[in-house]
Amino acid sequence: MNPYVRDRINRKLETLSDERLYQILDYVEFLESKYAEKPAPVTNVFQKFTDGVEDTLRAGGLAAGTVVEAVGFLNKAMGVLNNVAQTTKTVATDVVSTARTVADQIGAPPSGAAPSSAPVSSAPAPAAPSPSEPPVELRNQPPAA
């Protein structure tokens, strides 16, 4: 998009009421449906939801000011949810990084690597009783008569 034309349009839009801006939005969406040269940018789920609510409120005949306030509230909520999602992603990345660091320090194979044939513990495995010896419970009992 030509930045000079965009800036000029923005200057003109700033002088109009919300009601007229919604009329312009409707016209731009009409033009987009007829003459778009490239697909519209993909929006996230939160933005699609907000746009749907906005369209529903407008179709219900609410005043433009009421719709603007509702959409403003939804955009604030969307910002909070985006921050939560980003924070969750950051925490998950930190947990994975820490787990890899700990695994490297204790010598365990990193996740996704094939396990080695060496035992993880350095303690010797307990010896299994030989097949000719009775189990431990029976060794200390007197022989049956």
Protein backbone atom coordinates (compact mmCIF):
# COMPACT_ATOMS: atom_id res chain seq x y z
CA MET A 1 0.00 0.00 0.00
CA ASN A 2 1.24 3.42 -0.90
CA PRO A 3 2.11 5.10 2.43
CA TYR A 4 1.31 8.59 1.13
CA VAL A 5 -2.19 7.63 0.05
CA ARG A 6 -2.74 5.75 3.33
CA ASP A 7 -1.67 8.82 5.34
CA ARG A 8 -3.91 11.09 3.28
CA ILE A 9 -6.90 8.76 3.79
CA ASN A 10 -6.18 8.62 7.54
CA ARG A 11 -6.14 12.42 7.74
CA LYS A 12 -9.54 12.56 6.02
CA LEU A 13 -10.97 9.80 8.22
CA GLU A 14 -10.01 11.60 11.43
CA THR A 15 -12.57 14.33 10.68
CA LEU A 16 -15.56 11.94 10.42
CA SER A 17 -17.98 10.56 13.01
CA ASP A 18 -18.06 6.89 14.00
CA GLU A 19 -21.29 6.43 12.05
CA ARG A 20 -19.63 7.68 8.83
CA LEU A 21 -16.54 5.56 9.53
CA TYR A 22 -18.73 2.44 9.65
CA GLN A 23 -20.23 3.43 6.30
CA ILE A 24 -16.72 3.76 4.89
CA LEU A 25 -15.79 0.39 6.37
CA ASP A 26 -18.78 -1.18 4.64
CA TYR A 27 -17.75 0.39 1.35
CA VAL A 28 -14.12 -0.72 1.72
CA GLU A 29 -15.26 -4.29 2.44
CA PHE A 30 -17.45 -4.14 -0.66
CA LEU A 31 -14.51 -2.92 -2.76
CA GLU A 32 -12.31 -5.63 -1.28
CA SER A 33 -14.83 -8.33 -2.18
CA LYS A 34 -15.00 -7.10 -5.78
CA TYR A 35 -11.50 -5.87 -6.61
CA ALA A 36 -8.93 -7.20 -4.14
CA GLU A 37 -5.65 -7.94 -5.89
CA LYS A 38 -4.34 -10.13 -3.09
CA PRO A 39 -5.92 -12.03 -0.19
CA ALA A 40 -6.58 -10.17 3.04
CA PRO A 41 -4.03 -10.75 5.79
CA VAL A 42 -4.85 -13.64 8.09
CA THR A 43 -6.25 -12.52 11.44
CA ASN A 44 -6.06 -14.39 14.70
CA VAL A 45 -9.03 -16.02 16.42
CA PHE A 46 -9.48 -13.13 18.84
CA GLN A 47 -9.68 -10.56 16.02
CA LYS A 48 -12.16 -12.69 14.06
CA PHE A 49 -14.31 -12.97 17.18
CA THR A 50 -14.18 -9.21 17.80
CA ASP A 51 -15.05 -8.46 14.17
CA GLY A 52 -17.99 -10.87 14.35
CA VAL A 53 -19.32 -9.26 17.53
CA GLU A 54 -18.91 -5.82 15.99
CA ASP A 55 -20.82 -6.84 12.86
CA THR A 56 -23.59 -8.42 14.97
CA LEU A 57 -23.96 -5.31 17.12
CA ARG A 58 -24.10 -3.10 14.05
CA ALA A 59 -26.67 -5.38 12.39
CA GLY A 60 -28.75 -5.15 15.58
CA GLY A 61 -29.09 -1.41 15.08
CA LEU A 62 -27.04 -0.26 18.06
CA ALA A 63 -25.67 3.26 17.99
CA ALA A 64 -22.18 3.59 16.55
CA GLY A 65 -20.87 4.96 19.86
CA THR A 66 -22.14 1.89 21.74
CA VAL A 67 -20.53 -0.43 19.19
CA VAL A 68 -17.24 1.48 19.46
CA GLU A 69 -17.26 1.15 23.26
CA ALA A 70 -18.04 -2.58 23.08
CA VAL A 71 -15.31 -3.19 20.51
CA GLY A 72 -12.87 -1.16 22.61
CA PHE A 73 -13.62 -3.40 25.58
CA LEU A 74 -13.17 -6.53 23.44
CA ASN A 75 -9.86 -5.22 22.10
CA LYS A 76 -8.61 -4.68 25.66
CA ALA A 77 -9.67 -8.22 26.55
CA MET A 78 -7.97 -9.49 23.39
CA GLY A 79 -4.77 -7.72 24.44
CA VAL A 80 -4.90 -9.41 27.85
CA LEU A 81 -5.48 -12.83 26.28
CA ASN A 82 -2.63 -12.29 23.82
CA ASN A 83 -0.35 -11.37 26.75
CA VAL A 84 -1.42 -14.52 28.61
CA ALA A 85 -0.73 -16.64 25.53
CA GLN A 86 2.69 -15.05 25.02
CA THR A 87 3.59 -15.45 28.70
CA THR A 88 2.53 -19.10 28.62
CA LYS A 89 4.69 -19.69 25.57
CA THR A 90 7.65 -18.01 27.26
CA VAL A 91 7.24 -20.07 30.43
CA ALA A 92 6.99 -23.30 28.42
CA THR A 93 10.16 -22.39 26.51
CA ASP A 94 11.97 -21.66 29.79
CA VAL A 95 10.84 -25.00 31.28
CA VAL A 96 12.10 -26.93 28.26
CA SER A 97 15.40 -25.02 28.30
CA THR A 98 15.88 -25.67 32.02
CA ALA A 99 15.05 -29.37 31.61
CA ARG A 100 17.63 -29.68 28.84
CA THR A 101 20.25 -27.91 30.96
CA VAL A 102 19.59 -30.21 33.92
CA ALA A 103 19.65 -33.27 31.66
CA ASP A 104 23.00 -32.18 30.26
CA GLN A 105 24.41 -31.64 33.77
CA ILE A 106 23.41 -35.09 35.04
CA GLY A 107 24.45 -36.80 31.84
CA ALA A 108 21.01 -38.05 30.87
CA PRO A 109 20.24 -38.23 27.18
CA PRO A 110 18.30 -35.18 25.95
CA SER A 111 14.62 -35.69 25.25
CA GLY A 112 14.04 -37.27 21.88
CA ALA A 113 17.40 -39.05 21.90
CA ALA A 114 17.60 -42.82 21.83
CA PRO A 115 18.22 -44.27 25.29
CA SER A 116 21.67 -45.73 25.85
CA SER A 117 22.22 -49.33 26.95
CA ALA A 118 24.17 -48.21 30.04
CA PRO A 119 22.22 -48.24 33.31
CA VAL A 120 21.23 -44.81 34.61
CA SER A 121 22.17 -45.63 38.23
CA SER A 122 25.79 -46.22 39.20
CA ALA A 123 24.77 -48.54 42.09
CA PRO A 124 25.24 -52.24 41.37
CA ALA A 125 22.07 -54.18 40.63
CA PRO A 126 21.05 -56.66 43.40
CA ALA A 127 22.05 -60.22 42.61
CA ALA A 128 19.19 -62.52 41.75
CA PRO A 129 19.02 -65.76 43.81
CA SER A 130 20.24 -68.83 42.01
CA PRO A 131 17.52 -71.26 40.91
CA SER A 132 18.79 -73.95 43.36
CA GLU A 133 18.43 -71.68 46.42
CA PRO A 134 15.05 -71.35 48.12
CA PRO A 135 13.49 -67.86 48.32
CA VAL A 136 14.67 -65.66 51.20
CA GLU A 137 11.48 -66.30 53.21
CA LEU A 138 12.13 -70.04 53.26
CA ARG A 139 15.91 -70.03 53.94
CA ASN A 140 15.65 -69.32 57.68
CA GLN A 141 12.86 -71.80 58.45
CA PRO A 142 13.52 -75.27 59.85
CA PRO A 143 13.14 -78.10 57.36
CA ALA A 144 9.72 -79.69 57.22
CA ALA A 145 9.51 -83.16 58.84
